[in-house]
């Protein structure tokens, strides 16, 4: 597979993944939206749940007074995984 084709496939996969996160946020009643830049920056950290938790700490720390950050990250990631699995590849 040519390199440019591989990059396009990676971009499509990343867009689908980001879309699943955004849909999970909406379904959980969170008014969050990860644009391409935010998603790219978060992907630099290790592990899906760690990235979500880091995002919460940096952008919505008030939620950590009411929710356990790990539990919230688990809920978001679990829903994101179910939504990703439902999308035909």
Protein backbone atom coordinates (compact mmCIF):
# COMPACT_ATOMS: atom_id res chain seq x y z
CA UNK A 1 0.00 0.00 0.00
CA UNK A 2 1.47 3.40 -0.95
CA UNK A 3 2.48 5.67 1.92
CA UNK A 4 -0.10 8.37 1.03
CA UNK A 5 -2.86 5.75 1.04
CA UNK A 6 -1.71 4.55 4.46
CA UNK A 7 -1.84 8.13 5.79
CA UNK A 8 -5.35 8.61 4.43
CA UNK A 9 -6.47 5.40 6.15
CA UNK A 10 -4.91 6.55 9.42
CA UNK A 11 -6.61 9.95 9.09
CA UNK A 12 -10.00 8.31 8.45
CA UNK A 13 -9.52 6.01 11.44
CA UNK A 14 -8.54 8.95 13.67
CA UNK A 15 -11.56 10.95 12.46
CA UNK A 16 -13.87 8.01 13.20
CA UNK A 17 -12.34 7.58 16.65
CA UNK A 18 -12.65 11.30 17.41
CA UNK A 19 -16.25 11.19 16.22
CA UNK A 20 -16.96 8.29 18.58
CA UNK A 21 -15.54 10.31 21.48
CA UNK A 22 -17.67 13.33 20.56
CA UNK A 23 -20.76 11.15 20.27
CA UNK A 24 -19.98 9.55 23.65
CA UNK A 25 -19.68 13.00 25.22
CA UNK A 26 -23.05 14.02 23.79
CA UNK A 27 -24.76 10.81 24.93
CA UNK A 28 -23.38 11.33 28.44
CA UNK A 29 -24.68 14.90 28.50
CA UNK A 30 -21.21 16.44 28.39
CA UNK A 31 -20.98 19.58 26.27
CA UNK A 32 -17.49 18.74 25.08
CA UNK A 33 -16.17 18.61 21.54
CA UNK A 34 -12.73 17.43 20.54
CA UNK A 35 -11.57 19.10 17.34
CA UNK A 36 -8.70 17.65 15.32
CA UNK A 37 -6.04 19.65 17.18
CA UNK A 38 -7.31 18.71 20.64
CA UNK A 39 -7.59 15.05 19.68
CA UNK A 40 -4.08 15.01 18.16
CA UNK A 41 -2.62 16.58 21.32
CA UNK A 42 -4.42 14.09 23.57
CA UNK A 43 -3.30 11.13 21.48
CA UNK A 44 0.27 11.96 22.49
CA UNK A 45 -0.34 10.68 26.03
CA UNK A 46 -0.21 7.00 26.91
CA UNK A 47 -3.50 5.14 27.10
CA UNK A 48 -7.06 6.13 26.23
CA UNK A 49 -8.31 6.50 29.80
CA UNK A 50 -5.21 8.43 30.84
CA UNK A 51 -5.80 10.87 27.97
CA UNK A 52 -9.42 11.37 28.97
CA UNK A 53 -8.48 11.90 32.62
CA UNK A 54 -5.77 14.41 31.61
CA UNK A 55 -8.34 16.29 29.53
CA UNK A 56 -10.77 16.41 32.46
CA UNK A 57 -8.06 17.66 34.83
CA UNK A 58 -6.95 20.37 32.40
CA UNK A 59 -10.32 21.54 31.09
CA UNK A 60 -13.06 20.51 33.54
CA UNK A 61 -11.43 20.13 36.96
CA UNK A 62 -14.69 21.08 38.69
CA UNK A 63 -16.07 17.68 37.70
CA UNK A 64 -13.46 16.02 39.89
CA UNK A 65 -15.26 17.44 42.93
CA UNK A 66 -18.37 15.45 42.05
CA UNK A 67 -16.97 12.44 40.18
CA UNK A 68 -14.00 10.17 40.42
CA UNK A 69 -11.87 11.03 37.37
CA UNK A 70 -11.00 7.41 36.70
CA UNK A 71 -14.64 6.32 36.80
CA UNK A 72 -15.67 9.13 34.48
CA UNK A 73 -12.84 8.26 32.08
CA UNK A 74 -13.91 4.60 32.18
CA UNK A 75 -17.53 5.52 31.38
CA UNK A 76 -16.49 7.72 28.45
CA UNK A 77 -14.04 5.18 27.06
CA UNK A 78 -16.47 2.29 27.46
CA UNK A 79 -19.16 4.13 25.53
CA UNK A 80 -16.61 5.24 22.92
CA UNK A 81 -15.58 1.61 22.41
CA UNK A 82 -19.18 0.47 21.98
CA UNK A 83 -19.85 3.29 19.51
CA UNK A 84 -16.66 2.51 17.57
CA UNK A 85 -17.56 -1.17 17.37
CA UNK A 86 -20.99 -0.31 15.97
CA UNK A 87 -19.49 1.59 13.02
CA UNK A 88 -18.85 -0.62 9.98
CA UNK A 89 -15.18 -0.64 8.93
